[in-house]
Amino acid sequence: MNNKLGWVLAAASVVLGWWFWRWMGVALAVSGTVFWLLWQFTQALRAMRQAGQAPVGQVPSAVMLQARLNKGQRLLDLIQLTRSLGEKRSEQPETWAWHDASGAEVVVTLEAGRVTGWTLQRPPEGAAADSAAAPSA
């Protein structure tokens, strides 16, 4: 939800509460607004806690991530989608990257905390086969 719309709805609920039930209505509207703010805060903390426990910039499948991205998506929604914090690539424009085990990488560009574009970079076909065949030490 747009922040401005949320605050307009909160103010409207206070006004309507006063109009219909006076102080009890205002108390109900303020309680509802505080509950909404606490719910938003809890949602953000849960996403950050989950992302903080995962390896930075790693996702199970970069192709699936790329398929689920949408322009205008918020950064918090992106972190919830990836379940990990991205690797910051540049400051202007704000660019973050996530990769998977095969070497495929999604580079996401953000402006004002919202997705404006992304690119999927796949590894060369020979590189993925070579890394799979190489013995691990």
Protein backbone atom coordinates (compact mmCIF):
# COMPACT_ATOMS: atom_id res chain seq x y z
CA MET A 1 0.00 0.00 0.00
CA ASN A 2 1.14 3.52 -0.73
CA ASN A 3 2.27 5.33 2.44
CA LYS A 4 0.29 8.47 1.63
CA LEU A 5 -2.87 6.43 1.09
CA GLY A 6 -2.32 4.66 4.42
CA TRP A 7 -2.00 7.94 6.31
CA VAL A 8 -5.05 9.38 4.54
CA LEU A 9 -7.06 6.31 5.55
CA ALA A 10 -5.80 6.61 9.15
CA ALA A 11 -6.82 10.28 9.30
CA ALA A 12 -10.19 9.50 7.73
CA SER A 13 -10.81 6.78 10.32
CA VAL A 14 -10.09 9.26 13.13
CA VAL A 15 -12.47 11.82 11.61
CA LEU A 16 -15.21 9.23 11.05
CA GLY A 17 -14.66 7.86 14.54
CA TRP A 18 -15.17 11.32 16.00
CA TRP A 19 -18.20 11.93 13.79
CA PHE A 20 -20.02 8.75 14.80
CA TRP A 21 -18.81 7.86 18.32
CA ARG A 22 -16.89 10.89 19.61
CA TRP A 23 -13.94 9.99 21.85
CA MET A 24 -14.62 6.26 21.80
CA GLY A 25 -14.48 6.34 18.00
CA VAL A 26 -11.22 8.29 18.03
CA ALA A 27 -9.74 5.79 20.49
CA LEU A 28 -10.82 2.92 18.24
CA ALA A 29 -9.34 4.59 15.14
CA VAL A 30 -6.04 5.37 16.88
CA SER A 31 -5.86 1.78 18.19
CA GLY A 32 -6.42 0.44 14.69
CA THR A 33 -3.74 2.73 13.26
CA VAL A 34 -1.21 1.69 15.91
CA PHE A 35 -2.02 -1.98 15.24
CA TRP A 36 -1.45 -1.39 11.49
CA LEU A 37 1.91 0.29 12.14
CA LEU A 38 3.04 -2.50 14.48
CA TRP A 39 2.02 -5.09 11.89
CA GLN A 40 4.09 -3.32 9.21
CA PHE A 41 7.08 -3.13 11.56
CA THR A 42 6.79 -6.82 12.47
CA GLN A 43 6.59 -7.79 8.80
CA ALA A 44 9.77 -5.84 8.04
CA LEU A 45 11.62 -7.36 11.02
CA ARG A 46 10.58 -10.89 10.04
CA ALA A 47 11.84 -10.37 6.47
CA MET A 48 15.16 -8.96 7.68
CA ARG A 49 15.68 -11.72 10.26
CA GLN A 50 15.03 -14.39 7.64
CA ALA A 51 17.28 -12.68 5.08
CA GLY A 52 20.04 -12.17 7.64
CA GLN A 53 20.28 -15.92 8.25
CA ALA A 54 20.85 -16.74 4.57
CA PRO A 55 24.08 -16.35 2.57
CA VAL A 56 24.38 -12.86 1.07
CA GLY A 57 23.32 -12.64 -2.54
CA GLN A 58 22.38 -16.29 -2.99
CA VAL A 59 19.05 -17.68 -4.21
CA PRO A 60 17.96 -21.23 -5.11
CA SER A 61 17.24 -20.28 -8.74
CA ALA A 62 18.13 -17.00 -10.45
CA VAL A 63 15.83 -17.85 -13.37
CA MET A 64 12.83 -18.26 -11.06
CA LEU A 65 13.69 -15.01 -9.29
CA GLN A 66 13.85 -13.21 -12.62
CA ALA A 67 10.44 -14.63 -13.57
CA ARG A 68 8.84 -13.33 -10.35
CA LEU A 69 10.19 -9.77 -10.52
CA ASN A 70 7.87 -6.88 -11.35
CA LYS A 71 8.55 -3.22 -12.01
CA GLY A 72 7.55 -1.10 -9.04
CA GLN A 73 8.14 -3.92 -6.54
CA ARG A 74 9.36 -2.61 -3.16
CA LEU A 75 12.78 -3.53 -1.80
CA LEU A 76 11.16 -5.25 1.19
CA ASP A 77 9.07 -7.40 -1.17
CA LEU A 78 12.24 -8.25 -3.11
CA ILE A 79 14.03 -9.32 0.08
CA GLN A 80 11.04 -11.47 1.07
CA LEU A 81 11.05 -13.02 -2.41
CA THR A 82 14.78 -13.84 -2.39
CA ARG A 83 14.97 -14.66 1.34
CA SER A 84 18.46 -13.17 1.31
CA LEU A 85 20.16 -9.79 1.23
CA GLY A 86 21.64 -8.92 -2.14
CA GLU A 87 25.21 -7.97 -3.01
CA LYS A 88 25.36 -4.23 -3.58
CA ARG A 89 26.95 -3.45 -6.94
CA SER A 90 26.63 0.32 -7.25
CA GLU A 91 25.22 3.35 -5.48
CA GLN A 92 23.95 5.35 -8.47
CA PRO A 93 21.80 3.80 -9.78
CA GLU A 94 21.15 1.57 -6.78
CA THR A 95 22.01 -1.92 -8.03
CA TRP A 96 21.85 -5.25 -6.20
CA ALA A 97 22.69 -8.78 -7.42
CA TRP A 98 21.68 -12.32 -6.49
CA HIS A 99 23.20 -15.52 -7.91
CA ASP A 100 22.50 -19.23 -7.75
CA ALA A 101 24.72 -22.32 -7.58
CA SER A 102 24.90 -22.64 -11.38
CA GLY A 103 26.45 -19.18 -11.71
CA ALA A 104 23.39 -17.46 -13.16
CA GLU A 105 22.92 -13.97 -11.75
CA VAL A 106 20.07 -11.48 -11.54
CA VAL A 107 21.09 -7.83 -11.30
CA VAL A 108 18.26 -5.59 -10.07
CA THR A 109 18.19 -1.80 -10.43
CA LEU A 110 16.19 0.21 -7.90
CA GLU A 111 15.10 3.83 -7.74
CA ALA A 112 13.56 5.25 -4.56
CA GLY A 113 13.37 1.72 -3.12
CA ARG A 114 11.40 0.27 -6.04
CA VAL A 115 12.46 -2.05 -8.86
CA THR A 116 12.94 -0.23 -12.14
CA GLY A 117 14.68 -2.97 -14.12
CA TRP A 118 16.67 -6.19 -13.98
CA THR A 119 18.87 -8.40 -16.11
CA LEU A 120 19.52 -12.13 -16.00
CA GLN A 121 23.11 -13.08 -16.76
CA ARG A 122 23.68 -16.77 -17.38
CA PRO A 123 27.14 -18.32 -17.25
CA PRO A 124 28.67 -19.62 -20.48
CA GLU A 125 27.42 -23.14 -21.16
CA GLY A 126 30.88 -24.67 -20.85
CA ALA A 127 31.54 -22.99 -17.49
CA ALA A 128 28.54 -24.61 -15.80
CA ALA A 129 29.53 -28.06 -17.07
CA ASP A 130 33.19 -27.54 -16.04
CA SER A 131 32.28 -26.48 -12.51
CA ALA A 132 29.95 -29.47 -12.13
CA ALA A 133 32.63 -31.91 -13.30
CA ALA A 134 35.44 -30.43 -11.21
CA PRO A 135 36.21 -32.46 -8.07
CA SER A 136 35.67 -30.63 -4.80
CA ALA A 137 38.47 -30.57 -2.26
